Structures are given as C-alpha cells and as structure tokens.
C-alpha atoms as a PDB file:
ATOM      1  CA  UNK A   1     123.677  -6.693 -54.648  1.00  0.00           C
ATOM      2  CA  UNK A   2     124.511  -7.581 -58.245  1.00  0.00           C
ATOM      3  CA  UNK A   3     128.224  -7.275 -57.451  1.00  0.00           C
ATOM      4  CA  UNK A   4     127.900 -10.071 -54.884  1.00  0.00           C
ATOM      5  CA  UNK A   5     125.628 -12.374 -56.897  1.00  0.00           C
ATOM      6  CA  UNK A   6     126.419 -11.893 -60.611  1.00  0.00           C
ATOM      7  CA  UNK A   7     125.028 -14.087 -63.350  1.00  0.00           C
ATOM      8  CA  UNK A   8     127.362 -16.926 -64.410  1.00  0.00           C
ATOM      9  CA  UNK A   9     127.254 -19.536 -67.140  1.00  0.00           C
ATOM     10  CA  UNK A  10     125.623 -22.017 -64.782  1.00  0.00           C
ATOM     11  CA  UNK A  11     123.719 -19.897 -62.259  1.00  0.00           C
ATOM     12  CA  UNK A  12     121.283 -17.018 -62.505  1.00  0.00           C
ATOM     13  CA  UNK A  13     122.374 -13.790 -60.865  1.00  0.00           C
ATOM     14  CA  UNK A  14     120.420 -11.739 -58.416  1.00  0.00           C
ATOM     15  CA  UNK A  15     119.385  -9.511 -61.343  1.00  0.00           C
ATOM     16  CA  UNK A  16     117.361 -12.509 -62.579  1.00  0.00           C
ATOM     17  CA  UNK A  17     115.281 -12.513 -59.403  1.00  0.00           C
ATOM     18  CA  UNK A  18     112.607 -10.110 -58.189  1.00  0.00           C
ATOM     19  CA  UNK A  19     114.998  -7.898 -56.196  1.00  0.00           C
ATOM     20  CA  UNK A  20     112.617  -4.944 -56.049  1.00  0.00           C
ATOM     21  CA  UNK A  21     109.807  -7.103 -54.706  1.00  0.00           C
ATOM     22  CA  UNK A  22     112.164  -8.679 -52.181  1.00  0.00           C
ATOM     23  CA  UNK A  23     113.368  -5.262 -50.974  1.00  0.00           C
ATOM     24  CA  UNK A  24     109.799  -4.000 -50.581  1.00  0.00           C
ATOM     25  CA  UNK A  25     108.975  -7.074 -48.481  1.00  0.00           C
ATOM     26  CA  UNK A  26     112.243  -6.803 -46.541  1.00  0.00           C
ATOM     27  CA  UNK A  27     111.563  -3.177 -45.646  1.00  0.00           C
ATOM     28  CA  UNK A  28     108.019  -4.002 -44.561  1.00  0.00           C
ATOM     29  CA  UNK A  29     108.942  -7.097 -42.521  1.00  0.00           C
ATOM     30  CA  UNK A  30     112.403  -6.381 -41.091  1.00  0.00           C
ATOM     31  CA  UNK A  31     113.068  -4.273 -38.047  1.00  0.00           C
ATOM     32  CA  UNK A  32     113.984  -0.640 -38.596  1.00  0.00           C
ATOM     33  CA  UNK A  33     117.514  -1.382 -37.449  1.00  0.00           C
ATOM     34  CA  UNK A  34     117.951  -4.141 -40.050  1.00  0.00           C
ATOM     35  CA  UNK A  35     116.663  -1.832 -42.791  1.00  0.00           C
ATOM     36  CA  UNK A  36     118.985   0.953 -41.626  1.00  0.00           C
ATOM     37  CA  UNK A  37     121.894  -1.510 -41.653  1.00  0.00           C
ATOM     38  CA  UNK A  38     121.102  -2.511 -45.227  1.00  0.00           C
ATOM     39  CA  UNK A  39     120.916   1.109 -46.368  1.00  0.00           C
ATOM     40  CA  UNK A  40     124.104   2.102 -44.546  1.00  0.00           C
ATOM     41  CA  UNK A  41     125.948  -0.974 -45.825  1.00  0.00           C
ATOM     42  CA  UNK A  42     124.898  -0.084 -49.349  1.00  0.00           C
ATOM     43  CA  UNK A  43     126.214   3.452 -48.927  1.00  0.00           C
ATOM     44  CA  UNK A  44     129.518   2.105 -47.602  1.00  0.00           C
ATOM     45  CA  UNK A  45     129.817  -0.227 -50.592  1.00  0.00           C
ATOM     46  CA  UNK A  46     128.941   2.508 -53.101  1.00  0.00           C
ATOM     47  CA  UNK A  47     131.377   5.126 -51.764  1.00  0.00           C
ATOM     48  CA  UNK A  48     134.481   3.095 -50.866  1.00  0.00           C
ATOM     49  CA  UNK A  49     136.103   2.121 -54.204  1.00  0.00           C
ATOM     50  CA  UNK A  50     138.761   4.763 -53.620  1.00  0.00           C
ATOM     51  CA  UNK A  51     139.841   2.847 -50.508  1.00  0.00           C
ATOM     52  CA  UNK A  52     139.696  -0.641 -52.028  1.00  0.00           C
ATOM     53  CA  UNK A  53     140.697  -0.310 -55.698  1.00  0.00           C
ATOM     54  CA  UNK A  54     141.980   3.258 -55.899  1.00  0.00           C
ATOM     55  CA  UNK A  55     139.229   4.528 -58.200  1.00  0.00           C
ATOM     56  CA  UNK A  56     137.510   7.810 -57.200  1.00  0.00           C
ATOM     57  CA  UNK A  57     134.122   6.667 -58.507  1.00  0.00           C
ATOM     58  CA  UNK A  58     131.010   5.228 -56.887  1.00  0.00           C
ATOM     59  CA  UNK A  59     130.822   1.460 -57.234  1.00  0.00           C
ATOM     60  CA  UNK A  60     127.967   1.562 -59.773  1.00  0.00           C
ATOM     61  CA  UNK A  61     130.263   3.344 -62.274  1.00  0.00           C
ATOM     62  CA  UNK A  62     133.120   0.838 -62.035  1.00  0.00           C
ATOM     63  CA  UNK A  63     133.905  -1.579 -64.876  1.00  0.00           C
ATOM     64  CA  UNK A  64     132.852  -5.189 -64.160  1.00  0.00           C
ATOM     65  CA  UNK A  65     136.350  -6.502 -63.282  1.00  0.00           C
ATOM     66  CA  UNK A  66     137.099  -3.555 -61.005  1.00  0.00           C
ATOM     67  CA  UNK A  67     133.697  -3.889 -59.345  1.00  0.00           C
ATOM     68  CA  UNK A  68     134.426  -7.560 -58.682  1.00  0.00           C
ATOM     69  CA  UNK A  69     137.777  -6.637 -57.112  1.00  0.00           C
ATOM     70  CA  UNK A  70     136.070  -3.964 -54.992  1.00  0.00           C
ATOM     71  CA  UNK A  71     133.430  -6.448 -53.795  1.00  0.00           C
ATOM     72  CA  UNK A  72     136.118  -8.928 -52.789  1.00  0.00           C
ATOM     73  CA  UNK A  73     138.333  -6.376 -51.059  1.00  0.00           C
ATOM     74  CA  UNK A  74     135.561  -4.610 -49.162  1.00  0.00           C
ATOM     75  CA  UNK A  75     134.317  -7.918 -47.725  1.00  0.00           C
ATOM     76  CA  UNK A  76     137.811  -8.840 -46.565  1.00  0.00           C
ATOM     77  CA  UNK A  77     138.671  -5.401 -45.184  1.00  0.00           C
ATOM     78  CA  UNK A  78     140.673  -5.233 -41.963  1.00  0.00           C
ATOM     79  CA  UNK A  79     138.228  -2.567 -40.773  1.00  0.00           C
ATOM     80  CA  UNK A  80     135.595  -4.555 -38.900  1.00  0.00           C
ATOM     81  CA  UNK A  81     132.787  -1.979 -39.127  1.00  0.00           C
ATOM     82  CA  UNK A  82     133.233  -1.634 -42.895  1.00  0.00           C
ATOM     83  CA  UNK A  83     133.247  -5.408 -43.360  1.00  0.00           C
ATOM     84  CA  UNK A  84     130.177  -5.867 -41.160  1.00  0.00           C
ATOM     85  CA  UNK A  85     128.224  -3.050 -42.823  1.00  0.00           C
ATOM     86  CA  UNK A  86     128.724  -4.640 -46.222  1.00  0.00           C
ATOM     87  CA  UNK A  87     127.924  -8.064 -44.772  1.00  0.00           C
ATOM     88  CA  UNK A  88     124.367  -6.841 -44.126  1.00  0.00           C
ATOM     89  CA  UNK A  89     124.020  -6.163 -47.865  1.00  0.00           C
ATOM     90  CA  UNK A  90     125.382  -9.621 -48.694  1.00  0.00           C
ATOM     91  CA  UNK A  91     123.032 -11.181 -46.147  1.00  0.00           C
ATOM     92  CA  UNK A  92     119.924  -9.593 -47.650  1.00  0.00           C
ATOM     93  CA  UNK A  93     121.129 -10.369 -51.186  1.00  0.00           C
ATOM     94  CA  UNK A  94     121.698 -13.996 -50.228  1.00  0.00           C
ATOM     95  CA  UNK A  95     118.201 -14.277 -48.780  1.00  0.00           C
ATOM     96  CA  UNK A  96     116.748 -12.945 -52.031  1.00  0.00           C
ATOM     97  CA  UNK A  97     118.960 -14.967 -54.385  1.00  0.00           C
ATOM     98  CA  UNK A  98     118.861 -18.251 -52.478  1.00  0.00           C
ATOM     99  CA  UNK A  99     115.083 -18.290 -52.157  1.00  0.00           C
ATOM    100  CA  UNK A 100     114.398 -17.736 -55.844  1.00  0.00           C
ATOM    101  CA  UNK A 101     112.885 -20.773 -57.633  1.00  0.00           C
ATOM    102  CA  UNK A 102     115.383 -20.605 -60.557  1.00  0.00           C
ATOM    103  CA  UNK A 103     118.324 -20.719 -58.176  1.00  0.00           C
ATOM    104  CA  UNK A 104     116.833 -23.496 -56.072  1.00  0.00           C
ATOM    105  CA  UNK A 105     116.154 -25.487 -59.248  1.00  0.00           C
ATOM    106  CA  UNK A 106     119.849 -25.261 -60.249  1.00  0.00           C
ATOM    107  CA  UNK A 107     120.732 -26.848 -56.892  1.00  0.00           C
ATOM    108  CA  UNK A 108     118.067 -29.570 -57.347  1.00  0.00           C
ATOM    109  CA  UNK A 109     115.949 -28.119 -54.552  1.00  0.00           C
ATOM    110  CA  UNK A 110     112.189 -27.724 -54.523  1.00  0.00           C
ATOM    111  CA  UNK A 111     110.872 -24.163 -54.564  1.00  0.00           C
ATOM    112  CA  UNK A 112     109.721 -22.722 -51.268  1.00  0.00           C
ATOM    113  CA  UNK A 113     106.007 -22.858 -50.538  1.00  0.00           C
ATOM    114  CA  UNK A 114     104.056 -19.599 -50.519  1.00  0.00           C
ATOM    115  CA  UNK A 115     104.719 -17.504 -47.397  1.00  0.00           C
ATOM    116  CA  UNK A 116     101.773 -17.996 -45.015  1.00  0.00           C
ATOM    117  CA  UNK A 117     102.364 -14.561 -43.487  1.00  0.00           C
ATOM    118  CA  UNK A 118     101.910 -15.838 -39.945  1.00  0.00           C
ATOM    119  CA  UNK A 119     104.953 -14.279 -38.247  1.00  0.00           C
ATOM    120  CA  UNK A 120     106.165 -10.691 -38.434  1.00  0.00           C
ATOM    121  CA  UNK A 121     108.565  -8.585 -36.388  1.00  0.00           C
ATOM    122  CA  UNK A 122     106.294  -5.547 -36.462  1.00  0.00           C
END
C-alpha cells in the first residue's frame, strides 16, 4: 500500500496512518471475497516485478524508484485480471489513506465522525 500512497513534501503517506488498525477492521467488516481479493492482489503486486520492471525480486525489496515504476506499470497493465487484482489493493489503501484525519486536514476537510457501527456485511 505504501507504494501507491507514499509520503510527499505536502501530504502524509499511508505509512503515517493506522494501516494495521484499518486492515484489522477491513478484515472484520468486509466480505470474505473482498478480503480474498485484497490478499490475492497483494500477492500479485509483490511477485510481478520481473514482468513490469525486469527485476527478479519481490516488490518489497525493490529500490524506491524501481518500486514506483513497478506500481505505475502494474496498474496500467494490458492484462485485465492483473490490473484489477492490484486495483483492489489500491481501493483498500485509498479508503484507509483518504479517511485519515491528517490527510483530510491537508485537503481542508473536517475529520470523519466516529463510526457508529450500525451497518455490517456480516
């Protein structure tokens, strides 16, 4: 997720949010199929740098610039299933990053109210 939402000079990255807490909540509240999609998309992202940037390493061992190139190329792949699998990772990362109070503050938006816990899929 950090490859898709890195820290910049003006915005916090996803590493500056409570990713672990978000993932625990996501696993608890999402359907099993959505969780499986996130896990499978992560595995696709981790093991495809050989196809996108020509490096025979998992994505978490790539240098920052190469990782950025991999993230861009995998999300614009001509292979629909690969692109969609990784999209599920970007979707979950965006939900986490965009809801964080620090990020919302940078866009002059009020923080979200506490989750009332009134609707669940399970």
